[in-house]
C-alpha atoms as a PDB file:
ATOM      1  CA  MET A   1     117.380 123.095 118.149  1.00  0.00           C
ATOM      2  CA  SER A   2     114.409 124.541 120.062  1.00  0.00           C
ATOM      3  CA  LYS A   3     111.204 123.039 120.451  1.00  0.00           C
ATOM      4  CA  PRO A   4     109.399 123.018 116.220  1.00  0.00           C
ATOM      5  CA  VAL A   5     107.145 126.127 116.060  1.00  0.00           C
ATOM      6  CA  LEU A   6     104.051 126.152 113.486  1.00  0.00           C
ATOM      7  CA  ALA A   7     103.252 128.916 111.455  1.00  0.00           C
ATOM      8  CA  ILE A   8     100.238 129.484 109.816  1.00  0.00           C
ATOM      9  CA  LEU A   9      99.781 131.792 106.652  1.00  0.00           C
ATOM     10  CA  ALA A  10      96.748 133.694 107.136  1.00  0.00           C
ATOM     11  CA  ALA A  11      96.921 137.326 105.445  1.00  0.00           C
ATOM     12  CA  GLY A  12      95.264 136.104 102.103  1.00  0.00           C
ATOM     13  CA  MET A  13      92.770 138.712 100.650  1.00  0.00           C
ATOM     14  CA  GLY A  14      90.546 136.163  99.765  1.00  0.00           C
ATOM     15  CA  SER A  15      89.295 137.209  96.391  1.00  0.00           C
ATOM     16  CA  ARG A  16      87.995 134.397  94.950  1.00  0.00           C
ATOM     17  CA  TYR A  17      86.470 133.088  98.346  1.00  0.00           C
ATOM     18  CA  GLY A  18      84.830 136.385  98.796  1.00  0.00           C
ATOM     19  CA  GLY A  19      86.149 137.638 101.945  1.00  0.00           C
ATOM     20  CA  LEU A  20      88.149 136.691 105.466  1.00  0.00           C
ATOM     21  CA  LYS A  21      87.816 132.953 105.022  1.00  0.00           C
ATOM     22  CA  GLN A  22      91.092 132.105 107.309  1.00  0.00           C
ATOM     23  CA  ILE A  23      88.111 132.403 109.935  1.00  0.00           C
ATOM     24  CA  ASP A  24      85.007 131.448 108.255  1.00  0.00           C
ATOM     25  CA  THR A  25      82.690 129.322 110.539  1.00  0.00           C
ATOM     26  CA  VAL A  26      83.031 125.770 109.117  1.00  0.00           C
ATOM     27  CA  GLY A  27      82.689 123.735 112.291  1.00  0.00           C
ATOM     28  CA  ASN A  28      78.949 123.006 114.077  1.00  0.00           C
ATOM     29  CA  ASN A  29      80.803 124.888 117.155  1.00  0.00           C
ATOM     30  CA  GLY A  30      81.809 127.753 115.482  1.00  0.00           C
ATOM     31  CA  GLU A  31      85.075 126.614 114.540  1.00  0.00           C
ATOM     32  CA  SER A  32      87.081 127.681 111.161  1.00  0.00           C
ATOM     33  CA  ILE A  33      89.615 125.024 109.644  1.00  0.00           C
ATOM     34  CA  ILE A  34      92.236 127.038 111.535  1.00  0.00           C
ATOM     35  CA  ASP A  35      90.991 125.612 114.961  1.00  0.00           C
ATOM     36  CA  PHE A  36      90.975 121.980 113.395  1.00  0.00           C
ATOM     37  CA  SER A  37      94.968 122.697 112.449  1.00  0.00           C
ATOM     38  CA  ILE A  38      96.033 123.852 115.385  1.00  0.00           C
ATOM     39  CA  TYR A  39      93.834 121.213 117.544  1.00  0.00           C
ATOM     40  CA  ASP A  40      96.099 119.018 115.386  1.00  0.00           C
ATOM     41  CA  ALA A  41      99.134 120.627 116.056  1.00  0.00           C
ATOM     42  CA  ILE A  42      98.961 120.509 119.741  1.00  0.00           C
ATOM     43  CA  GLU A  43      98.009 116.886 119.820  1.00  0.00           C
ATOM     44  CA  ALA A  44     101.512 116.497 117.709  1.00  0.00           C
ATOM     45  CA  GLY A  45     103.712 118.730 120.439  1.00  0.00           C
ATOM     46  CA  PHE A  46     103.522 122.049 119.155  1.00  0.00           C
ATOM     47  CA  GLU A  47     103.901 124.477 121.432  1.00  0.00           C
ATOM     48  CA  THR A  48     103.714 127.877 119.929  1.00  0.00           C
ATOM     49  CA  VAL A  49     101.741 128.892 116.579  1.00  0.00           C
ATOM     50  CA  VAL A  50     102.459 132.237 114.806  1.00  0.00           C
ATOM     51  CA  LEU A  51      99.894 133.415 112.885  1.00  0.00           C
ATOM     52  CA  ILE A  52     100.923 135.576 110.085  1.00  0.00           C
ATOM     53  CA  ILE A  53      98.426 138.087 109.406  1.00  0.00           C
ATOM     54  CA  ARG A  54      97.460 141.683 108.036  1.00  0.00           C
ATOM     55  CA  LYS A  55      97.803 143.930 110.826  1.00  0.00           C
ATOM     56  CA  GLU A  56      94.523 145.559 110.196  1.00  0.00           C
ATOM     57  CA  HIS A  57      92.758 141.679 110.963  1.00  0.00           C
ATOM     58  CA  GLU A  58      94.424 141.434 114.288  1.00  0.00           C
ATOM     59  CA  GLU A  59      91.410 142.282 116.212  1.00  0.00           C
ATOM     60  CA  ALA A  60      89.349 139.673 114.010  1.00  0.00           C
ATOM     61  CA  PHE A  61      91.792 136.760 114.551  1.00  0.00           C
ATOM     62  CA  GLU A  62      92.122 137.764 118.053  1.00  0.00           C
ATOM     63  CA  GLU A  63      88.218 137.623 118.774  1.00  0.00           C
ATOM     64  CA  ALA A  64      87.701 134.618 116.433  1.00  0.00           C
ATOM     65  CA  LEU A  65      90.415 132.232 117.546  1.00  0.00           C
ATOM     66  CA  GLY A  66      93.491 133.788 119.736  1.00  0.00           C
ATOM     67  CA  LYS A  67      91.060 134.106 123.150  1.00  0.00           C
ATOM     68  CA  LYS A  68      90.192 130.789 122.676  1.00  0.00           C
ATOM     69  CA  ILE A  69      93.434 128.867 121.844  1.00  0.00           C
ATOM     70  CA  ARG A  70      95.755 130.647 124.233  1.00  0.00           C
ATOM     71  CA  PRO A  71      95.146 128.315 127.112  1.00  0.00           C
ATOM     72  CA  PHE A  72      96.384 125.746 125.064  1.00  0.00           C
ATOM     73  CA  ILE A  73      99.124 126.774 122.865  1.00  0.00           C
ATOM     74  CA  ASN A  74     100.993 130.214 122.607  1.00  0.00           C
ATOM     75  CA  VAL A  75      99.975 132.356 120.356  1.00  0.00           C
ATOM     76  CA  ILE A  76     102.247 134.988 118.001  1.00  0.00           C
ATOM     77  CA  TYR A  77     101.407 137.194 115.325  1.00  0.00           C
ATOM     78  CA  ALA A  78     103.434 138.284 112.777  1.00  0.00           C
ATOM     79  CA  TYR A  79     102.434 140.580 110.277  1.00  0.00           C
ATOM     80  CA  GLN A  80     102.826 140.596 106.118  1.00  0.00           C
ATOM     81  CA  ASN A  81     102.990 144.691 105.477  1.00  0.00           C
ATOM     82  CA  LEU A  82     103.011 145.385 101.744  1.00  0.00           C
ATOM     83  CA  GLU A  83     105.500 148.189 102.494  1.00  0.00           C
ATOM     84  CA  ASP A  84     107.940 145.703 104.260  1.00  0.00           C
ATOM     85  CA  ILE A  85     110.039 145.436 101.193  1.00  0.00           C
ATOM     86  CA  PRO A  86     114.094 145.179 100.544  1.00  0.00           C
ATOM     87  CA  ASP A  87     115.865 148.507 100.445  1.00  0.00           C
ATOM     88  CA  GLY A  88     115.984 149.860  96.585  1.00  0.00           C
ATOM     89  CA  PHE A  89     112.649 149.227  96.031  1.00  0.00           C
ATOM     90  CA  SER A  90     109.093 150.773  96.408  1.00  0.00           C
ATOM     91  CA  VAL A  91     105.653 149.778  96.420  1.00  0.00           C
ATOM     92  CA  PRO A  92     103.783 150.751  93.300  1.00  0.00           C
ATOM     93  CA  GLU A  93     101.383 153.394  93.872  1.00  0.00           C
ATOM     94  CA  GLY A  94      97.677 152.110  94.209  1.00  0.00           C
ATOM     95  CA  ARG A  95      98.938 148.111  95.209  1.00  0.00           C
ATOM     96  CA  GLU A  96      96.952 146.541  97.339  1.00  0.00           C
ATOM     97  CA  LYS A  97      97.582 142.943  96.858  1.00  0.00           C
ATOM     98  CA  PRO A  98     100.368 140.858  98.622  1.00  0.00           C
ATOM     99  CA  TRP A  99     103.555 139.898  97.552  1.00  0.00           C
ATOM    100  CA  GLY A 100     102.676 136.634  97.858  1.00  0.00           C
ATOM    101  CA  THR A 101     103.974 133.633 100.233  1.00  0.00           C
ATOM    102  CA  THR A 102     107.492 133.969  99.845  1.00  0.00           C
ATOM    103  CA  HIS A 103     107.084 137.610 101.364  1.00  0.00           C
ATOM    104  CA  ALA A 104     104.358 136.196 103.915  1.00  0.00           C
ATOM    105  CA  LEU A 105     107.259 133.595 105.454  1.00  0.00           C
ATOM    106  CA  LEU A 106     109.679 136.021 105.727  1.00  0.00           C
ATOM    107  CA  SER A 107     107.606 138.250 107.960  1.00  0.00           C
ATOM    108  CA  LEU A 108     108.576 135.259 110.541  1.00  0.00           C
ATOM    109  CA  LYS A 109     111.934 136.276 110.395  1.00  0.00           C
ATOM    110  CA  ASN A 110     112.089 138.488 113.496  1.00  0.00           C
ATOM    111  CA  TYR A 111     109.661 135.950 115.707  1.00  0.00           C
ATOM    112  CA  VAL A 112     110.931 132.586 114.882  1.00  0.00           C
ATOM    113  CA  THR A 113     114.578 131.179 116.169  1.00  0.00           C
ATOM    114  CA  SER A 114     113.827 127.301 115.698  1.00  0.00           C
ATOM    115  CA  PRO A 115     112.647 124.548 113.326  1.00  0.00           C
ATOM    116  CA  PHE A 116     109.305 125.630 112.043  1.00  0.00           C
ATOM    117  CA  ALA A 117     106.226 124.010 110.157  1.00  0.00           C
ATOM    118  CA  ILE A 118     104.200 126.449 107.682  1.00  0.00           C
ATOM    119  CA  ILE A 119     101.080 126.013 106.335  1.00  0.00           C
ATOM    120  CA  ASN A 120      97.650 127.806 104.904  1.00  0.00           C
ATOM    121  CA  ALA A 121      95.193 128.868 106.915  1.00  0.00           C
ATOM    122  CA  ASP A 122      92.419 127.400 104.744  1.00  0.00           C
ATOM    123  CA  ASP A 123      93.783 123.867 104.214  1.00  0.00           C
ATOM    124  CA  TYR A 124      92.180 120.912 106.511  1.00  0.00           C
ATOM    125  CA  TYR A 125      95.809 118.850 106.185  1.00  0.00           C
ATOM    126  CA  GLY A 126      94.736 115.522 108.533  1.00  0.00           C
ATOM    127  CA  LYS A 127      96.113 114.726 111.744  1.00  0.00           C
ATOM    128  CA  ASN A 128      98.664 112.102 110.882  1.00  0.00           C
ATOM    129  CA  ALA A 129     100.124 115.688 108.615  1.00  0.00           C
ATOM    130  CA  PHE A 130     101.206 117.026 111.621  1.00  0.00           C
ATOM    131  CA  LYS A 131     102.581 114.257 113.657  1.00  0.00           C
ATOM    132  CA  VAL A 132     104.833 113.507 110.918  1.00  0.00           C
ATOM    133  CA  ILE A 133     106.131 116.942 110.267  1.00  0.00           C
ATOM    134  CA  TYR A 134     106.462 117.897 113.966  1.00  0.00           C
ATOM    135  CA  ASN A 135     108.614 114.280 113.960  1.00  0.00           C
ATOM    136  CA  PHE A 136     110.859 115.649 111.268  1.00  0.00           C
ATOM    137  CA  LEU A 137     111.366 118.616 112.763  1.00  0.00           C
ATOM    138  CA  ALA A 138     112.040 117.518 116.366  1.00  0.00           C
ATOM    139  CA  ASN A 139     114.428 114.802 115.136  1.00  0.00           C
ATOM    140  CA  ASP A 140     115.658 114.965 110.973  1.00  0.00           C
ATOM    141  CA  VAL A 141     115.630 118.672 109.989  1.00  0.00           C
ATOM    142  CA  LYS A 142     119.225 120.133 108.988  1.00  0.00           C
ATOM    143  CA  ASP A 143     119.752 123.541 107.689  1.00  0.00           C
ATOM    144  CA  HIS A 144     119.274 123.692 103.920  1.00  0.00           C
ATOM    145  CA  GLU A 145     117.633 120.055 104.318  1.00  0.00           C
ATOM    146  CA  TYR A 146     113.861 120.850 104.670  1.00  0.00           C
ATOM    147  CA  ALA A 147     110.842 118.874 103.948  1.00  0.00           C
ATOM    148  CA  MET A 148     107.397 118.905 102.041  1.00  0.00           C
ATOM    149  CA  VAL A 149     104.247 116.871 103.018  1.00  0.00           C
ATOM    150  CA  GLY A 150     102.863 116.370  99.817  1.00  0.00           C
ATOM    151  CA  TYR A 151      98.733 115.266  98.637  1.00  0.00           C
ATOM    152  CA  VAL A 152      97.379 113.524  95.828  1.00  0.00           C
ATOM    153  CA  LEU A 153      96.257 115.939  92.935  1.00  0.00           C
ATOM    154  CA  GLU A 154      92.933 114.238  92.407  1.00  0.00           C
ATOM    155  CA  ASN A 155      92.280 114.927  96.245  1.00  0.00           C
ATOM    156  CA  THR A 156      92.870 118.476  96.129  1.00  0.00           C
ATOM    157  CA  ILE A 157      90.442 120.044  93.200  1.00  0.00           C
ATOM    158  CA  THR A 158      86.776 121.647  93.566  1.00  0.00           C
ATOM    159  CA  GLU A 159      83.999 121.481  90.926  1.00  0.00           C
ATOM    160  CA  HIS A 160      83.625 124.682  91.241  1.00  0.00           C
ATOM    161  CA  GLY A 161      86.523 126.239  89.610  1.00  0.00           C
ATOM    162  CA  THR A 162      90.590 126.134  89.136  1.00  0.00           C
ATOM    163  CA  VAL A 163      92.980 126.071  91.593  1.00  0.00           C
ATOM    164  CA  SER A 164      96.693 126.537  92.156  1.00  0.00           C
ATOM    165  CA  ARG A 165      98.782 123.568  93.087  1.00  0.00           C
ATOM    166  CA  ALA A 166     102.519 123.351  92.615  1.00  0.00           C
ATOM    167  CA  VAL A 167     103.703 119.932  90.665  1.00  0.00           C
ATOM    168  CA  CYS A 168     106.225 118.008  92.006  1.00  0.00           C
ATOM    169  CA  GLN A 169     108.498 115.433  90.561  1.00  0.00           C
ATOM    170  CA  PRO A 170     109.860 112.892  93.359  1.00  0.00           C
ATOM    171  CA  LYS A 171     113.358 111.602  93.098  1.00  0.00           C
ATOM    172  CA  GLY A 172     113.071 108.615  95.309  1.00  0.00           C
ATOM    173  CA  GLU A 173     112.383 110.323  98.999  1.00  0.00           C
ATOM    174  CA  PHE A 174     113.513 113.915  97.841  1.00  0.00           C
ATOM    175  CA  LEU A 175     111.891 116.647  95.760  1.00  0.00           C
ATOM    176  CA  ALA A 176     113.515 116.710  92.343  1.00  0.00           C
ATOM    177  CA  GLN A 177     111.466 119.696  90.750  1.00  0.00           C
ATOM    178  CA  ILE A 178     108.286 121.384  91.793  1.00  0.00           C
ATOM    179  CA  VAL A 179     106.392 123.877  89.338  1.00  0.00           C
ATOM    180  CA  GLU A 180     103.531 126.420  90.372  1.00  0.00           C
ATOM    181  CA  ARG A 181     100.165 125.876  88.189  1.00  0.00           C
ATOM    182  CA  ALA A 182      98.207 128.447  88.486  1.00  0.00           C
ATOM    183  CA  LYS A 183      94.749 127.211  86.879  1.00  0.00           C
ATOM    184  CA  ILE A 184      94.472 123.499  86.995  1.00  0.00           C
ATOM    185  CA  GLY A 185      90.822 122.318  86.909  1.00  0.00           C
ATOM    186  CA  LEU A 186      88.669 119.823  85.125  1.00  0.00           C
ATOM    187  CA  VAL A 187      88.172 120.129  81.198  1.00  0.00           C
ATOM    188  CA  ASN A 188      85.179 118.061  80.049  1.00  0.00           C
ATOM    189  CA  GLN A 189      85.823 115.901  83.116  1.00  0.00           C
ATOM    190  CA  VAL A 190      90.009 115.344  82.220  1.00  0.00           C
ATOM    191  CA  LEU A 191      92.186 117.059  84.519  1.00  0.00           C
ATOM    192  CA  LYS A 192      93.830 119.748  82.995  1.00  0.00           C
ATOM    193  CA  TYR A 193      96.555 122.648  83.887  1.00  0.00           C
ATOM    194  CA  GLU A 194      96.813 125.912  81.471  1.00  0.00           C
ATOM    195  CA  GLU A 195      99.700 127.148  79.578  1.00  0.00           C
ATOM    196  CA  SER A 196     100.631 130.619  79.422  1.00  0.00           C
ATOM    197  CA  ASP A 197      99.510 130.880  76.118  1.00  0.00           C
ATOM    198  CA  GLY A 198      95.887 129.850  77.393  1.00  0.00           C
ATOM    199  CA  SER A 199      95.913 126.425  75.747  1.00  0.00           C
ATOM    200  CA  TRP A 200      95.120 123.299  78.369  1.00  0.00           C
ATOM    201  CA  VAL A 201      97.342 120.343  78.783  1.00  0.00           C
ATOM    202  CA  ASP A 202      96.445 117.426  80.279  1.00  0.00           C
ATOM    203  CA  ILE A 203      97.773 116.029  83.929  1.00  0.00           C
ATOM    204  CA  GLN A 204      97.496 113.025  86.232  1.00  0.00           C
ATOM    205  CA  PRO A 205      95.109 112.929  88.646  1.00  0.00           C
ATOM    206  CA  ASP A 206      97.977 111.036  91.030  1.00  0.00           C
ATOM    207  CA  SER A 207     100.414 113.696  90.219  1.00  0.00           C
ATOM    208  CA  LEU A 208     102.178 114.833  93.939  1.00  0.00           C
ATOM    209  CA  VAL A 209     101.771 118.276  94.512  1.00  0.00           C
ATOM    210  CA  SER A 210     102.310 120.534  97.615  1.00  0.00           C
ATOM    211  CA  MET A 211      99.356 122.327  99.125  1.00  0.00           C
ATOM    212  CA  ASN A 212     101.842 124.535 101.406  1.00  0.00           C
ATOM    213  CA  TYR A 213     103.037 122.305 103.965  1.00  0.00           C
ATOM    214  CA  TRP A 214     106.541 122.687 104.387  1.00  0.00           C
ATOM    215  CA  GLY A 215     109.113 121.936 107.309  1.00  0.00           C
ATOM    216  CA  PHE A 216     112.173 124.358 107.581  1.00  0.00           C
ATOM    217  CA  THR A 217     114.768 125.742 109.403  1.00  0.00           C
ATOM    218  CA  PRO A 218     115.210 129.843 110.078  1.00  0.00           C
ATOM    219  CA  ALA A 219     118.372 128.800 107.788  1.00  0.00           C
ATOM    220  CA  VAL A 220     115.788 129.516 104.913  1.00  0.00           C
ATOM    221  CA  PHE A 221     115.165 133.031 105.663  1.00  0.00           C
ATOM    222  CA  ASP A 222     118.382 134.418 104.178  1.00  0.00           C
ATOM    223  CA  TYR A 223     117.981 132.327 100.900  1.00  0.00           C
ATOM    224  CA  PHE A 224     114.380 133.222 100.388  1.00  0.00           C
ATOM    225  CA  GLU A 225     115.291 136.894 101.193  1.00  0.00           C
ATOM    226  CA  ASP A 226     117.936 136.659  98.094  1.00  0.00           C
ATOM    227  CA  VAL A 227     115.150 134.872  95.969  1.00  0.00           C
ATOM    228  CA  PHE A 228     112.770 137.492  96.446  1.00  0.00           C
ATOM    229  CA  LYS A 229     114.926 140.347  95.708  1.00  0.00           C
ATOM    230  CA  ARG A 230     115.630 138.864  92.563  1.00  0.00           C
ATOM    231  CA  PHE A 231     111.808 138.321  91.926  1.00  0.00           C
ATOM    232  CA  LEU A 232     111.532 142.129  92.548  1.00  0.00           C
ATOM    233  CA  HIS A 233     114.217 142.896  90.095  1.00  0.00           C
ATOM    234  CA  ARG A 234     112.668 140.973  87.432  1.00  0.00           C
ATOM    235  CA  GLU A 235     109.056 141.228  87.640  1.00  0.00           C
ATOM    236  CA  LEU A 236     108.473 144.446  89.450  1.00  0.00           C
ATOM    237  CA  ASP A 237     107.961 146.839  86.378  1.00  0.00           C
ATOM    238  CA  GLY A 238     106.294 144.645  84.232  1.00  0.00           C
ATOM    239  CA  ASN A 239     103.374 143.644  86.628  1.00  0.00           C
ATOM    240  CA  PRO A 240     103.815 145.958  89.117  1.00  0.00           C
ATOM    241  CA  MET A 241     100.371 145.389  90.669  1.00  0.00           C
ATOM    242  CA  LYS A 242      99.635 141.797  90.304  1.00  0.00           C
ATOM    243  CA  CYS A 243     103.043 140.008  90.425  1.00  0.00           C
ATOM    244  CA  GLU A 244     103.771 137.597  93.550  1.00  0.00           C
ATOM    245  CA  HIS A 245     105.884 135.134  94.884  1.00  0.00           C
ATOM    246  CA  VAL A 246     104.839 131.856  96.081  1.00  0.00           C
ATOM    247  CA  ILE A 247     106.748 129.476  98.376  1.00  0.00           C
ATOM    248  CA  PRO A 248     106.960 126.585  96.020  1.00  0.00           C
ATOM    249  CA  THR A 249     108.695 128.387  93.386  1.00  0.00           C
ATOM    250  CA  ALA A 250     111.171 130.005  95.545  1.00  0.00           C
ATOM    251  CA  VAL A 251     111.840 125.982  96.956  1.00  0.00           C
ATOM    252  CA  GLY A 252     112.048 125.181  92.921  1.00  0.00           C
ATOM    253  CA  GLU A 253     114.784 127.587  92.570  1.00  0.00           C
ATOM    254  CA  GLY A 254     116.804 126.414  95.367  1.00  0.00           C
ATOM    255  CA  LEU A 255     116.388 122.745  94.255  1.00  0.00           C
ATOM    256  CA  LYS A 256     117.916 124.030  90.390  1.00  0.00           C
ATOM    257  CA  GLU A 257     120.914 126.159  92.251  1.00  0.00           C
ATOM    258  CA  GLU A 258     121.097 123.098  94.631  1.00  0.00           C
ATOM    259  CA  LYS A 259     120.896 125.486  97.323  1.00  0.00           C
ATOM    260  CA  LEU A 260     118.444 123.073  99.481  1.00  0.00           C
ATOM    261  CA  SER A 261     117.238 119.748  99.332  1.00  0.00           C
ATOM    262  CA  VAL A 262     113.796 118.872 100.449  1.00  0.00           C
ATOM    263  CA  ARG A 263     112.669 115.417 102.131  1.00  0.00           C
ATOM    264  CA  LEU A 264     109.323 114.343 100.720  1.00  0.00           C
ATOM    265  CA  LEU A 265     106.856 113.205 103.601  1.00  0.00           C
ATOM    266  CA  SER A 266     104.014 111.056 103.680  1.00  0.00           C
ATOM    267  CA  SER A 267     100.619 110.940 104.936  1.00  0.00           C
ATOM    268  CA  ASN A 268      97.684 108.999 104.572  1.00  0.00           C
ATOM    269  CA  ASP A 269      95.140 111.759 105.127  1.00  0.00           C
ATOM    270  CA  LYS A 270      92.396 113.118 103.275  1.00  0.00           C
ATOM    271  CA  TRP A 271      92.809 117.183 102.338  1.00  0.00           C
ATOM    272  CA  TYR A 272      89.841 119.609 102.594  1.00  0.00           C
ATOM    273  CA  GLY A 273      90.007 123.220 101.542  1.00  0.00           C
ATOM    274  CA  VAL A 274      87.300 126.036 100.371  1.00  0.00           C
ATOM    275  CA  THR A 275      89.223 127.598  97.270  1.00  0.00           C
ATOM    276  CA  TYR A 276      85.218 129.027  96.518  1.00  0.00           C
ATOM    277  CA  LYS A 277      82.615 129.529  98.833  1.00  0.00           C
ATOM    278  CA  GLU A 278      80.594 126.686  96.938  1.00  0.00           C
ATOM    279  CA  ASP A 279      83.161 124.236  98.690  1.00  0.00           C
ATOM    280  CA  LYS A 280      82.270 124.741 102.133  1.00  0.00           C
ATOM    281  CA  PRO A 281      79.260 122.874 102.241  1.00  0.00           C
ATOM    282  CA  THR A 282      81.848 119.673 101.727  1.00  0.00           C
ATOM    283  CA  VAL A 283      83.834 120.482 104.289  1.00  0.00           C
ATOM    284  CA  VAL A 284      81.179 121.513 106.685  1.00  0.00           C
ATOM    285  CA  ALA A 285      79.855 117.692 105.948  1.00  0.00           C
ATOM    286  CA  ALA A 286      82.982 115.873 106.451  1.00  0.00           C
ATOM    287  CA  LEU A 287      84.297 118.297 109.783  1.00  0.00           C
ATOM    288  CA  ALA A 288      81.143 117.517 111.506  1.00  0.00           C
ATOM    289  CA  ASN A 289      81.148 113.304 110.476  1.00  0.00           C
ATOM    290  CA  MET A 290      84.660 113.432 112.410  1.00  0.00           C
ATOM    291  CA  LYS A 291      83.430 114.712 115.296  1.00  0.00           C
ATOM    292  CA  GLU A 292      81.060 111.943 114.980  1.00  0.00           C
ATOM    293  CA  ALA A 293      83.453 109.320 114.543  1.00  0.00           C
ATOM    294  CA  GLY A 294      85.103 110.790 117.481  1.00  0.00           C
ATOM    295  CA  ASP A 295      88.144 111.886 115.708  1.00  0.00           C
ATOM    296  CA  TYR A 296      87.375 115.828 117.495  1.00  0.00           C
ATOM    297  CA  PRO A 297      85.405 116.717 120.917  1.00  0.00           C
ATOM    298  CA  PHE A 298      82.069 118.746 120.022  1.00  0.00           C
ATOM    299  CA  ASP A 299      83.971 121.661 122.006  1.00  0.00           C
ATOM    300  CA  LEU A 300      87.697 121.956 120.876  1.00  0.00           C
ATOM    301  CA  TRP A 301      88.657 124.160 123.485  1.00  0.00           C
ATOM    302  CA  LYS A 302      86.658 123.247 126.103  1.00  0.00           C
ATOM    303  CA  GLN A 303      88.982 124.035 129.568  1.00  0.00           C
END
């Protein structure tokens, strides 16, 4: 197979954050989290990055990121377009919200022909995670036999509100089940998730969760396209403005239907993220400390 490619989900609207957080500055030399992820990816062996964005944001991404990293890695833009949905469906009048990360992944179909990792733009995953996924994609991945890098739930929450996490049930080295929980947070200092009826249920702090760190081959496109069509048939009439479909849910359907399997890969790195603006100071301090410790140079992109 061709060399693995890194794809980055960067087309979100940042409604909870209040802006285009994908390229918001968190490093002490003007970097965003995505800068650090791409730097780590290059160290791990990736030579191409595909940035999944909204077309109207391309100029902003090129100015903030693209022109800096091109001397070090091949950069491709893929566009998540609200109008790009299967034949037989139409976009509801007035809808602005993207269709979710399953739809975003499908925008790679015309750009990616080799095994690929896919991650969030606004999550810091750590150096080892990129080495682990690159090794899997370069040596072990097969069509319909994929991988996920998981994280411990209590290390991925924020004190500033609830988070959405896909909670995983392992079975040996593989993923047995995965369920998206839209609201997980601290209730009287106890971790809980909200059920659809509004009740709150305890969840174990050491639960394994997905932070959207996946390894696939292009064989996943056809199956996810089928899953996405079923989602539109099921949800479009009832929730036309806000319904969305996410990768963990697509993977969960594939596990139930035995269309795919997912190996669980481990990383000892600590995760950092900016769900809310109030999370930013913690991330800024952590990345500054990593530079001070020599994990990163002050100028990531000095030629």
